[in-house]
C-alpha cells in the first residue's frame, strides 16, 4: 500500500564538495526512485553541513579581500544558497532516474523557511561552530562589530558559534502540500531550513542559527500528515553498546524503550541521538505513524520490513 513518506538524507547521500555531490546524488536518486516506483509520495529533507560551510568560507574570503566593498553574508542567506544548489543537483538526478524508468513525475525544490522561537534555550547557549577559523584579532572585530559569539577551537583558531533551536513550524507547508498533491517529488527544509523569527505582523527575520535536519524533517512529516519518516544515515540499524564487544543492533524500538536507552546515554549527542529523538517524536505525533532509521541503499528493504530499525507504538 502506498504511503506518504518524508526522507531525511544524511551527508553521506550528498558528498562534501561539488564533484562528490554530482556523483553522490545519482546513487541517492536510485534509492529514492525505488520508493517512488512502489507508488509512494516522497518528500525529501537533507543536511547541508559541508555545503553551507563552503559557501560561508567563500563569502568570508571575499569580505577579507575587500572589506570596504563586501559585507559578511548572514548565515540564513548562506543556508538559502545551499538549499538552491543542492536541490538543483538532486532534483535533476531524480528527474533523470525517474524518466529512465518511464515514471512521469516532476521534481521541485522549495526554498524553505522554518520558524524558530526566540525564547528557545539554545539561543542562551550557542554551541554550533560554523565558518572558517579566525585569528583572535579577526574574532574580536566580529564580536565588536556584529555581536557574534566566538570560541577558541582546540588551539586551531577562533570560530563563530550559533544556536541550534528546535523547529516550531514550516513556513511554506501549504505550498509543499500542494506540490505533493499535484504529483511532485518535493525537496524541502534543506539544511534544516532557513531559520526565521516572526517579529510582528507578517514579517520574518533570519535567525543566526542552525536547525538540525532530522528535527526539521520530523516537523515537516508531522505537518504533512505523513505516514512514515525515514532517517537515512551511515549505519543499517541503530545499535546499543556501540563500538564495544557487546554491540547489539536493534530491529525495532518503542518510544518507551528508546527513552530508556537515551537516559542511559546509549546514543551519542552529535550523531545518533537527534535521529532517535526525531524518530520517536514523529511516531508519537499521531496514530499509525512509524519511523525508520537505516542506510540509504537499504531504504526500500527497510520499508518492506527486511532491515533497519523501525520505531513504532
C-alpha atoms as a PDB file:
ATOM      1  CA  UNK A   1       0.000   0.000   0.000  1.00  0.00           C
ATOM      2  CA  UNK A   2       1.387   3.397  -0.959  1.00  0.00           C
ATOM      3  CA  UNK A   3       2.452   5.813   1.774  1.00  0.00           C
ATOM      4  CA  UNK A   4       3.336   9.453   2.181  1.00  0.00           C
ATOM      5  CA  UNK A   5       6.977   9.384   3.260  1.00  0.00           C
ATOM      6  CA  UNK A   6       9.364  12.114   4.396  1.00  0.00           C
ATOM      7  CA  UNK A   7      13.018  11.186   3.922  1.00  0.00           C
ATOM      8  CA  UNK A   8      15.853  12.848   5.860  1.00  0.00           C
ATOM      9  CA  UNK A   9      19.075  12.489   3.884  1.00  0.00           C
ATOM     10  CA  UNK A  10      22.394  12.448   5.743  1.00  0.00           C
ATOM     11  CA  UNK A  11      25.636  13.925   4.480  1.00  0.00           C
ATOM     12  CA  UNK A  12      26.791  10.610   3.007  1.00  0.00           C
ATOM     13  CA  UNK A  13      23.967  10.944   0.465  1.00  0.00           C
ATOM     14  CA  UNK A  14      25.302  14.277  -0.837  1.00  0.00           C
ATOM     15  CA  UNK A  15      29.100  14.251  -0.685  1.00  0.00           C
ATOM     16  CA  UNK A  16      31.244  17.032   0.741  1.00  0.00           C
ATOM     17  CA  UNK A  17      32.118  19.129  -2.342  1.00  0.00           C
ATOM     18  CA  UNK A  18      30.820  19.918  -5.819  1.00  0.00           C
ATOM     19  CA  UNK A  19      32.397  16.921  -7.558  1.00  0.00           C
ATOM     20  CA  UNK A  20      31.409  14.437  -4.850  1.00  0.00           C
ATOM     21  CA  UNK A  21      27.869  15.796  -4.795  1.00  0.00           C
ATOM     22  CA  UNK A  22      27.379  15.297  -8.541  1.00  0.00           C
ATOM     23  CA  UNK A  23      28.301  11.621  -8.119  1.00  0.00           C
ATOM     24  CA  UNK A  24      26.503  11.063  -4.814  1.00  0.00           C
ATOM     25  CA  UNK A  25      23.111  12.368  -5.944  1.00  0.00           C
ATOM     26  CA  UNK A  26      22.989   9.795  -8.739  1.00  0.00           C
ATOM     27  CA  UNK A  27      23.153   6.953  -6.186  1.00  0.00           C
ATOM     28  CA  UNK A  28      20.743   8.798  -3.925  1.00  0.00           C
ATOM     29  CA  UNK A  29      18.295   9.204  -6.803  1.00  0.00           C
ATOM     30  CA  UNK A  30      18.271   5.432  -7.409  1.00  0.00           C
ATOM     31  CA  UNK A  31      17.319   4.671  -3.787  1.00  0.00           C
ATOM     32  CA  UNK A  32      14.588   7.314  -3.755  1.00  0.00           C
ATOM     33  CA  UNK A  33      13.243   6.256  -7.155  1.00  0.00           C
ATOM     34  CA  UNK A  34      12.860   2.709  -5.801  1.00  0.00           C
ATOM     35  CA  UNK A  35      10.381   4.057  -3.229  1.00  0.00           C
ATOM     36  CA  UNK A  36       8.568   6.204  -5.786  1.00  0.00           C
ATOM     37  CA  UNK A  37       8.274   3.206  -8.110  1.00  0.00           C
ATOM     38  CA  UNK A  38       6.362   1.445  -5.327  1.00  0.00           C
ATOM     39  CA  UNK A  39       3.737   4.188  -5.562  1.00  0.00           C
ATOM     40  CA  UNK A  40       4.777   6.221  -2.512  1.00  0.00           C
ATOM     41  CA  UNK A  41       4.553  10.017  -2.229  1.00  0.00           C
ATOM     42  CA  UNK A  42       8.019  11.272  -1.353  1.00  0.00           C
ATOM     43  CA  UNK A  43       9.216  14.495   0.250  1.00  0.00           C
ATOM     44  CA  UNK A  44      12.944  14.898   0.851  1.00  0.00           C
ATOM     45  CA  UNK A  45      14.747  16.902   3.538  1.00  0.00           C
ATOM     46  CA  UNK A  46      18.541  16.973   3.682  1.00  0.00           C
ATOM     47  CA  UNK A  47      21.578  18.215   5.529  1.00  0.00           C
ATOM     48  CA  UNK A  48      23.981  20.871   4.252  1.00  0.00           C
ATOM     49  CA  UNK A  49      26.958  20.851   6.624  1.00  0.00           C
ATOM     50  CA  UNK A  50      29.834  20.740   4.115  1.00  0.00           C
ATOM     51  CA  UNK A  51      27.974  22.817   1.538  1.00  0.00           C
ATOM     52  CA  UNK A  52      26.921  25.717   3.754  1.00  0.00           C
ATOM     53  CA  UNK A  53      30.401  25.753   5.292  1.00  0.00           C
ATOM     54  CA  UNK A  54      31.946  26.020   1.826  1.00  0.00           C
ATOM     55  CA  UNK A  55      29.597  28.892   0.916  1.00  0.00           C
ATOM     56  CA  UNK A  56      30.237  30.763   4.140  1.00  0.00           C
ATOM     57  CA  UNK A  57      34.007  30.344   3.860  1.00  0.00           C
ATOM     58  CA  UNK A  58      33.900  31.699   0.293  1.00  0.00           C
ATOM     59  CA  UNK A  59      31.882  34.701   1.453  1.00  0.00           C
ATOM     60  CA  UNK A  60      34.280  35.285   4.338  1.00  0.00           C
ATOM     61  CA  UNK A  61      37.292  35.233   1.998  1.00  0.00           C
ATOM     62  CA  UNK A  62      35.517  37.675  -0.318  1.00  0.00           C
ATOM     63  CA  UNK A  63      34.998  40.052   2.584  1.00  0.00           C
ATOM     64  CA  UNK A  64      38.620  39.689   3.668  1.00  0.00           C
ATOM     65  CA  UNK A  65      39.784  40.543   0.139  1.00  0.00           C
ATOM     66  CA  UNK A  66      37.866  43.820   0.109  1.00  0.00           C
ATOM     67  CA  UNK A  67      36.164  44.634   3.434  1.00  0.00           C
ATOM     68  CA  UNK A  68      35.048  48.048   2.203  1.00  0.00           C
ATOM     69  CA  UNK A  69      33.083  46.565  -0.700  1.00  0.00           C
ATOM     70  CA  UNK A  70      31.743  43.281   0.720  1.00  0.00           C
ATOM     71  CA  UNK A  71      29.848  42.611   3.942  1.00  0.00           C
ATOM     72  CA  UNK A  72      29.602  39.346   5.873  1.00  0.00           C
ATOM     73  CA  UNK A  73      26.745  37.266   4.445  1.00  0.00           C
ATOM     74  CA  UNK A  74      24.147  36.320   7.084  1.00  0.00           C
ATOM     75  CA  UNK A  75      24.007  32.627   7.914  1.00  0.00           C
ATOM     76  CA  UNK A  76      20.356  32.495   6.812  1.00  0.00           C
ATOM     77  CA  UNK A  77      21.390  33.690   3.337  1.00  0.00           C
ATOM     78  CA  UNK A  78      24.121  31.041   3.131  1.00  0.00           C
ATOM     79  CA  UNK A  79      21.584  28.342   4.082  1.00  0.00           C
ATOM     80  CA  UNK A  80      19.283  29.592   1.306  1.00  0.00           C
ATOM     81  CA  UNK A  81      22.151  29.381  -1.199  1.00  0.00           C
ATOM     82  CA  UNK A  82      22.936  25.824  -0.115  1.00  0.00           C
ATOM     83  CA  UNK A  83      19.288  24.783  -0.456  1.00  0.00           C
ATOM     84  CA  UNK A  84      19.269  26.059  -4.020  1.00  0.00           C
ATOM     85  CA  UNK A  85      22.390  24.392  -5.270  1.00  0.00           C
ATOM     86  CA  UNK A  86      21.859  21.049  -3.504  1.00  0.00           C
ATOM     87  CA  UNK A  87      18.267  20.992  -4.699  1.00  0.00           C
ATOM     88  CA  UNK A  88      19.365  21.785  -8.249  1.00  0.00           C
ATOM     89  CA  UNK A  89      21.624  18.723  -8.403  1.00  0.00           C
ATOM     90  CA  UNK A  90      19.251  16.431  -6.531  1.00  0.00           C
ATOM     91  CA  UNK A  91      16.077  17.269  -8.452  1.00  0.00           C
ATOM     92  CA  UNK A  92      17.842  16.852 -11.802  1.00  0.00           C
ATOM     93  CA  UNK A  93      19.326  13.494 -10.785  1.00  0.00           C
ATOM     94  CA  UNK A  94      15.892  12.332  -9.615  1.00  0.00           C
ATOM     95  CA  UNK A  95      14.163  13.592 -12.742  1.00  0.00           C
ATOM     96  CA  UNK A  96      16.636  11.697 -14.934  1.00  0.00           C
ATOM     97  CA  UNK A  97      16.336   8.480 -12.915  1.00  0.00           C
ATOM     98  CA  UNK A  98      12.530   8.586 -12.966  1.00  0.00           C
ATOM     99  CA  UNK A  99      12.358   9.263 -16.706  1.00  0.00           C
ATOM    100  CA  UNK A 100      14.777   6.377 -17.317  1.00  0.00           C
ATOM    101  CA  UNK A 101      12.214   4.173 -15.548  1.00  0.00           C
ATOM    102  CA  UNK A 102       9.310   5.607 -17.523  1.00  0.00           C
ATOM    103  CA  UNK A 103       7.892   7.425 -14.494  1.00  0.00           C
ATOM    104  CA  UNK A 104       6.315  10.794 -15.292  1.00  0.00           C
ATOM    105  CA  UNK A 105       6.703  12.713 -12.056  1.00  0.00           C
ATOM    106  CA  UNK A 106       8.043  16.242 -11.659  1.00  0.00           C
ATOM    107  CA  UNK A 107      10.630  17.181  -9.017  1.00  0.00           C
ATOM    108  CA  UNK A 108      10.765  20.589  -7.351  1.00  0.00           C
ATOM    109  CA  UNK A 109      12.991  22.244  -4.759  1.00  0.00           C
ATOM    110  CA  UNK A 110      11.261  24.533  -2.278  1.00  0.00           C
ATOM    111  CA  UNK A 111      13.386  27.185  -0.586  1.00  0.00           C
ATOM    112  CA  UNK A 112      12.020  26.591   2.884  1.00  0.00           C
ATOM    113  CA  UNK A 113      11.901  28.842   5.911  1.00  0.00           C
ATOM    114  CA  UNK A 114      11.438  27.242   9.315  1.00  0.00           C
ATOM    115  CA  UNK A 115      10.159  29.255  12.230  1.00  0.00           C
ATOM    116  CA  UNK A 116      12.093  29.036  15.485  1.00  0.00           C
ATOM    117  CA  UNK A 117      11.304  30.641  18.835  1.00  0.00           C
ATOM    118  CA  UNK A 118      13.480  33.499  20.129  1.00  0.00           C
ATOM    119  CA  UNK A 119      12.800  32.062  23.582  1.00  0.00           C
ATOM    120  CA  UNK A 120      14.366  28.697  22.713  1.00  0.00           C
ATOM    121  CA  UNK A 121      17.019  27.999  25.406  1.00  0.00           C
ATOM    122  CA  UNK A 122      19.537  27.176  22.668  1.00  0.00           C
ATOM    123  CA  UNK A 123      19.939  30.915  21.997  1.00  0.00           C
ATOM    124  CA  UNK A 124      21.274  31.425  25.513  1.00  0.00           C
ATOM    125  CA  UNK A 125      23.993  28.833  24.963  1.00  0.00           C
ATOM    126  CA  UNK A 126      25.102  28.728  21.292  1.00  0.00           C
ATOM    127  CA  UNK A 127      27.360  25.733  20.694  1.00  0.00           C
ATOM    128  CA  UNK A 128      27.330  25.012  16.935  1.00  0.00           C
ATOM    129  CA  UNK A 129      30.651  26.076  15.301  1.00  0.00           C
ATOM    130  CA  UNK A 130      30.296  27.469  11.788  1.00  0.00           C
ATOM    131  CA  UNK A 131      32.528  29.091   9.206  1.00  0.00           C
ATOM    132  CA  UNK A 132      36.274  29.305   8.861  1.00  0.00           C
ATOM    133  CA  UNK A 133      38.924  29.651  11.554  1.00  0.00           C
ATOM    134  CA  UNK A 134      39.899  33.192  12.533  1.00  0.00           C
ATOM    135  CA  UNK A 135      42.738  34.878  14.345  1.00  0.00           C
ATOM    136  CA  UNK A 136      41.963  36.435  17.724  1.00  0.00           C
ATOM    137  CA  UNK A 137      42.072  39.875  16.114  1.00  0.00           C
ATOM    138  CA  UNK A 138      39.522  38.873  13.452  1.00  0.00           C
ATOM    139  CA  UNK A 139      37.298  37.237  16.056  1.00  0.00           C
ATOM    140  CA  UNK A 140      37.443  40.294  18.306  1.00  0.00           C
ATOM    141  CA  UNK A 141      36.465  42.511  15.377  1.00  0.00           C
ATOM    142  CA  UNK A 142      33.377  40.404  14.637  1.00  0.00           C
ATOM    143  CA  UNK A 143      32.401  40.388  18.309  1.00  0.00           C
ATOM    144  CA  UNK A 144      32.774  44.162  18.445  1.00  0.00           C
ATOM    145  CA  UNK A 145      31.071  44.948  15.099  1.00  0.00           C
ATOM    146  CA  UNK A 146      28.423  42.215  14.854  1.00  0.00           C
ATOM    147  CA  UNK A 147      27.978  40.959  18.400  1.00  0.00           C
ATOM    148  CA  UNK A 148      28.850  37.403  17.316  1.00  0.00           C
ATOM    149  CA  UNK A 149      29.616  34.656  19.817  1.00  0.00           C
ATOM    150  CA  UNK A 150      33.029  33.046  19.240  1.00  0.00           C
ATOM    151  CA  UNK A 151      35.017  30.219  20.797  1.00  0.00           C
ATOM    152  CA  UNK A 152      38.627  29.127  20.718  1.00  0.00           C
ATOM    153  CA  UNK A 153      38.663  25.745  18.946  1.00  0.00           C
ATOM    154  CA  UNK A 154      41.315  23.255  20.138  1.00  0.00           C
ATOM    155  CA  UNK A 155      44.239  25.577  19.514  1.00  0.00           C
ATOM    156  CA  UNK A 156      43.393  25.894  15.815  1.00  0.00           C
ATOM    157  CA  UNK A 157      41.960  29.403  15.999  1.00  0.00           C
ATOM    158  CA  UNK A 158      38.634  31.026  16.722  1.00  0.00           C
ATOM    159  CA  UNK A 159      35.251  30.174  15.225  1.00  0.00           C
ATOM    160  CA  UNK A 160      31.814  31.663  15.410  1.00  0.00           C
ATOM    161  CA  UNK A 161      29.192  29.610  17.268  1.00  0.00           C
ATOM    162  CA  UNK A 162      25.427  29.795  16.770  1.00  0.00           C
ATOM    163  CA  UNK A 163      22.378  28.267  18.402  1.00  0.00           C
ATOM    164  CA  UNK A 164      20.667  25.063  17.285  1.00  0.00           C
ATOM    165  CA  UNK A 165      16.999  25.655  18.216  1.00  0.00           C
ATOM    166  CA  UNK A 166      14.107  23.238  17.664  1.00  0.00           C
ATOM    167  CA  UNK A 167      11.809  23.931  14.699  1.00  0.00           C
ATOM    168  CA  UNK A 168       8.378  25.350  15.518  1.00  0.00           C
ATOM    169  CA  UNK A 169       6.662  25.395  12.130  1.00  0.00           C
ATOM    170  CA  UNK A 170       7.388  25.077   8.400  1.00  0.00           C
ATOM    171  CA  UNK A 171       6.530  28.434   6.811  1.00  0.00           C
ATOM    172  CA  UNK A 172       5.903  27.102   3.283  1.00  0.00           C
ATOM    173  CA  UNK A 173       3.984  23.998   4.398  1.00  0.00           C
ATOM    174  CA  UNK A 174       0.842  24.775   2.353  1.00  0.00           C
ATOM    175  CA  UNK A 175       2.884  25.142  -0.850  1.00  0.00           C
ATOM    176  CA  UNK A 176       4.730  21.892  -0.144  1.00  0.00           C
ATOM    177  CA  UNK A 177       1.390  20.116   0.405  1.00  0.00           C
ATOM    178  CA  UNK A 178       0.020  21.492  -2.854  1.00  0.00           C
ATOM    179  CA  UNK A 179       3.064  20.248  -4.774  1.00  0.00           C
ATOM    180  CA  UNK A 180       2.858  16.778  -3.222  1.00  0.00           C
ATOM    181  CA  UNK A 181      -0.844  16.546  -4.037  1.00  0.00           C
ATOM    182  CA  UNK A 182      -0.146  17.560  -7.649  1.00  0.00           C
ATOM    183  CA  UNK A 183       2.204  14.576  -8.168  1.00  0.00           C
ATOM    184  CA  UNK A 184       5.541  16.266  -7.437  1.00  0.00           C
ATOM    185  CA  UNK A 185       8.527  14.907  -5.581  1.00  0.00           C
ATOM    186  CA  UNK A 186       9.426  17.806  -3.284  1.00  0.00           C
ATOM    187  CA  UNK A 187      12.835  18.688  -1.830  1.00  0.00           C
ATOM    188  CA  UNK A 188      12.320  20.927   1.201  1.00  0.00           C
ATOM    189  CA  UNK A 189      13.844  22.029   4.517  1.00  0.00           C
ATOM    190  CA  UNK A 190      17.373  21.770   3.139  1.00  0.00           C
ATOM    191  CA  UNK A 191      19.961  22.100   5.891  1.00  0.00           C
ATOM    192  CA  UNK A 192      17.153  22.026   8.446  1.00  0.00           C
ATOM    193  CA  UNK A 193      15.521  25.009   6.749  1.00  0.00           C
ATOM    194  CA  UNK A 194      16.293  28.716   6.775  1.00  0.00           C
ATOM    195  CA  UNK A 195      15.741  29.645  10.442  1.00  0.00           C
ATOM    196  CA  UNK A 196      13.457  32.649  10.889  1.00  0.00           C
ATOM    197  CA  UNK A 197      11.703  34.556  13.661  1.00  0.00           C
ATOM    198  CA  UNK A 198       8.247  36.047  13.427  1.00  0.00           C
ATOM    199  CA  UNK A 199       8.823  39.642  14.501  1.00  0.00           C
ATOM    200  CA  UNK A 200       5.292  41.021  14.494  1.00  0.00           C
ATOM    201  CA  UNK A 201       2.760  41.387  11.747  1.00  0.00           C
ATOM    202  CA  UNK A 202       3.747  39.319   8.728  1.00  0.00           C
ATOM    203  CA  UNK A 203       7.478  39.990   8.886  1.00  0.00           C
ATOM    204  CA  UNK A 204      10.026  37.157   9.029  1.00  0.00           C
ATOM    205  CA  UNK A 205      13.627  37.786  10.057  1.00  0.00           C
ATOM    206  CA  UNK A 206      16.553  35.423   9.528  1.00  0.00           C
ATOM    207  CA  UNK A 207      17.948  33.940  12.736  1.00  0.00           C
ATOM    208  CA  UNK A 208      21.619  33.282  13.421  1.00  0.00           C
ATOM    209  CA  UNK A 209      21.061  29.578  13.967  1.00  0.00           C
ATOM    210  CA  UNK A 210      21.355  26.087  12.516  1.00  0.00           C
ATOM    211  CA  UNK A 211      18.372  23.721  12.742  1.00  0.00           C
ATOM    212  CA  UNK A 212      19.118  20.007  12.974  1.00  0.00           C
ATOM    213  CA  UNK A 213      17.889  18.439   9.734  1.00  0.00           C
ATOM    214  CA  UNK A 214      16.395  15.399  11.497  1.00  0.00           C
ATOM    215  CA  UNK A 215      14.208  17.592  13.727  1.00  0.00           C
ATOM    216  CA  UNK A 216      13.213  19.692  10.728  1.00  0.00           C
ATOM    217  CA  UNK A 217      12.295  16.543   8.782  1.00  0.00           C
ATOM    218  CA  UNK A 218      10.213  15.362  11.745  1.00  0.00           C
ATOM    219  CA  UNK A 219       8.297  18.649  11.882  1.00  0.00           C
ATOM    220  CA  UNK A 220       7.814  18.516   8.104  1.00  0.00           C
ATOM    221  CA  UNK A 221       6.466  14.952   8.327  1.00  0.00           C
ATOM    222  CA  UNK A 222       4.108  15.967  11.135  1.00  0.00           C
ATOM    223  CA  UNK A 223       2.699  18.958   9.279  1.00  0.00           C
ATOM    224  CA  UNK A 224       2.353  16.992   6.031  1.00  0.00           C
ATOM    225  CA  UNK A 225       0.411  14.271   7.857  1.00  0.00           C
ATOM    226  CA  UNK A 226       2.930  11.724   6.557  1.00  0.00           C
ATOM    227  CA  UNK A 227       2.662   8.014   7.283  1.00  0.00           C
ATOM    228  CA  UNK A 228       6.374   7.419   7.740  1.00  0.00           C
ATOM    229  CA  UNK A 229       9.588   9.294   8.489  1.00  0.00           C
ATOM    230  CA  UNK A 230      12.729   7.648   7.114  1.00  0.00           C
ATOM    231  CA  UNK A 231      16.046   8.895   8.503  1.00  0.00           C
ATOM    232  CA  UNK A 232      18.867   7.705   6.260  1.00  0.00           C
ATOM    233  CA  UNK A 233      22.306   7.556   7.816  1.00  0.00           C
ATOM    234  CA  UNK A 234      25.630   5.704   7.682  1.00  0.00           C
ATOM    235  CA  UNK A 235      24.530   2.557   9.550  1.00  0.00           C
ATOM    236  CA  UNK A 236      21.964  -0.117   8.696  1.00  0.00           C
ATOM    237  CA  UNK A 237      20.466  -0.269  12.189  1.00  0.00           C
ATOM    238  CA  UNK A 238      20.558   1.667  15.432  1.00  0.00           C
ATOM    239  CA  UNK A 239      22.755  -0.102  17.985  1.00  0.00           C
ATOM    240  CA  UNK A 240      23.270  -0.081  21.724  1.00  0.00           C
ATOM    241  CA  UNK A 241      26.710  -0.549  23.318  1.00  0.00           C
ATOM    242  CA  UNK A 242      28.065   0.785  20.012  1.00  0.00           C
ATOM    243  CA  UNK A 243      31.743   0.097  19.371  1.00  0.00           C
ATOM    244  CA  UNK A 244      32.054  -2.485  22.149  1.00  0.00           C
ATOM    245  CA  UNK A 245      32.103  -6.305  22.087  1.00  0.00           C
ATOM    246  CA  UNK A 246      28.514  -6.158  23.416  1.00  0.00           C
ATOM    247  CA  UNK A 247      27.250  -4.099  20.464  1.00  0.00           C
ATOM    248  CA  UNK A 248      23.657  -5.059  19.613  1.00  0.00           C
ATOM    249  CA  UNK A 249      21.756  -3.953  16.519  1.00  0.00           C
ATOM    250  CA  UNK A 250      18.097  -3.135  17.096  1.00  0.00           C
ATOM    251  CA  UNK A 251      15.450  -4.124  14.564  1.00  0.00           C
ATOM    252  CA  UNK A 252      12.689  -2.246  16.338  1.00  0.00           C
ATOM    253  CA  UNK A 253      12.145   0.244  19.132  1.00  0.00           C
ATOM    254  CA  UNK A 254       9.144   1.537  21.012  1.00  0.00           C
ATOM    255  CA  UNK A 255       9.225   5.144  22.234  1.00  0.00           C
ATOM    256  CA  UNK A 256       9.420   3.884  25.825  1.00  0.00           C
ATOM    257  CA  UNK A 257      12.439   1.672  25.137  1.00  0.00           C
ATOM    258  CA  UNK A 258      14.113   4.401  23.110  1.00  0.00           C
ATOM    259  CA  UNK A 259      13.686   6.846  26.017  1.00  0.00           C
ATOM    260  CA  UNK A 260      15.237   4.292  28.371  1.00  0.00           C
ATOM    261  CA  UNK A 261      18.306   3.950  26.125  1.00  0.00           C
ATOM    262  CA  UNK A 262      18.541   7.734  25.768  1.00  0.00           C
ATOM    263  CA  UNK A 263      18.571   8.133  29.553  1.00  0.00           C
ATOM    264  CA  UNK A 264      21.308   5.508  29.758  1.00  0.00           C
ATOM    265  CA  UNK A 265      23.432   7.520  27.298  1.00  0.00           C
ATOM    266  CA  UNK A 266      23.442   4.884  24.562  1.00  0.00           C
ATOM    267  CA  UNK A 267      23.218   7.351  21.662  1.00  0.00           C
ATOM    268  CA  UNK A 268      25.948   9.975  21.061  1.00  0.00           C
ATOM    269  CA  UNK A 269      24.685  13.558  21.097  1.00  0.00           C
ATOM    270  CA  UNK A 270      26.411  14.514  17.845  1.00  0.00           C
ATOM    271  CA  UNK A 271      25.224  11.597  15.733  1.00  0.00           C
ATOM    272  CA  UNK A 272      22.541   9.048  16.625  1.00  0.00           C
ATOM    273  CA  UNK A 273      20.777  10.890  19.459  1.00  0.00           C
ATOM    274  CA  UNK A 274      18.911  13.505  17.351  1.00  0.00           C
ATOM    275  CA  UNK A 275      17.903  10.806  14.853  1.00  0.00           C
ATOM    276  CA  UNK A 276      16.352   8.632  17.553  1.00  0.00           C
ATOM    277  CA  UNK A 277      14.718  11.647  19.223  1.00  0.00           C
ATOM    278  CA  UNK A 278      13.217  12.818  15.915  1.00  0.00           C
ATOM    279  CA  UNK A 279      12.025   9.307  15.063  1.00  0.00           C
ATOM    280  CA  UNK A 280      10.357   8.937  18.454  1.00  0.00           C
ATOM    281  CA  UNK A 281       8.727  12.380  18.230  1.00  0.00           C
ATOM    282  CA  UNK A 282       7.147  11.579  14.870  1.00  0.00           C
ATOM    283  CA  UNK A 283       5.961   8.148  15.970  1.00  0.00           C
ATOM    284  CA  UNK A 284       4.254   9.729  18.981  1.00  0.00           C
ATOM    285  CA  UNK A 285       2.729  12.587  16.973  1.00  0.00           C
ATOM    286  CA  UNK A 286      -0.221  10.640  15.573  1.00  0.00           C
ATOM    287  CA  UNK A 287      -1.909   7.266  15.372  1.00  0.00           C
ATOM    288  CA  UNK A 288      -0.385   4.781  12.942  1.00  0.00           C
ATOM    289  CA  UNK A 289       2.779   6.806  12.317  1.00  0.00           C
ATOM    290  CA  UNK A 290       6.114   4.981  12.153  1.00  0.00           C
ATOM    291  CA  UNK A 291       9.753   5.935  11.714  1.00  0.00           C
ATOM    292  CA  UNK A 292      12.649   4.044  10.173  1.00  0.00           C
ATOM    293  CA  UNK A 293      16.400   4.567  10.587  1.00  0.00           C
ATOM    294  CA  UNK A 294      18.655   2.802   8.101  1.00  0.00           C
ATOM    295  CA  UNK A 295      21.200   3.058   5.293  1.00  0.00           C
ATOM    296  CA  UNK A 296      20.373   4.955   2.101  1.00  0.00           C
ATOM    297  CA  UNK A 297      20.693   1.870  -0.086  1.00  0.00           C
ATOM    298  CA  UNK A 298      18.529  -0.161   2.309  1.00  0.00           C
ATOM    299  CA  UNK A 299      15.540   2.214   2.281  1.00  0.00           C
ATOM    300  CA  UNK A 300      13.357   0.009   0.076  1.00  0.00           C
ATOM    301  CA  UNK A 301      14.131  -3.117   2.138  1.00  0.00           C
ATOM    302  CA  UNK A 302      13.513  -1.126   5.309  1.00  0.00           C
ATOM    303  CA  UNK A 303      10.027  -0.091   4.189  1.00  0.00           C
ATOM    304  CA  UNK A 304       9.376  -3.748   3.385  1.00  0.00           C
ATOM    305  CA  UNK A 305      10.356  -4.694   6.954  1.00  0.00           C
ATOM    306  CA  UNK A 306      13.514  -6.540   5.944  1.00  0.00           C
ATOM    307  CA  UNK A 307      16.085  -4.324   7.679  1.00  0.00           C
ATOM    308  CA  UNK A 308      16.672  -1.065   9.512  1.00  0.00           C
ATOM    309  CA  UNK A 309      15.367   0.000  12.907  1.00  0.00           C
ATOM    310  CA  UNK A 310      11.604   0.522  12.987  1.00  0.00           C
ATOM    311  CA  UNK A 311      10.245   2.858  15.660  1.00  0.00           C
ATOM    312  CA  UNK A 312       6.568   2.193  16.361  1.00  0.00           C
ATOM    313  CA  UNK A 313       3.991   2.498  19.151  1.00  0.00           C
END
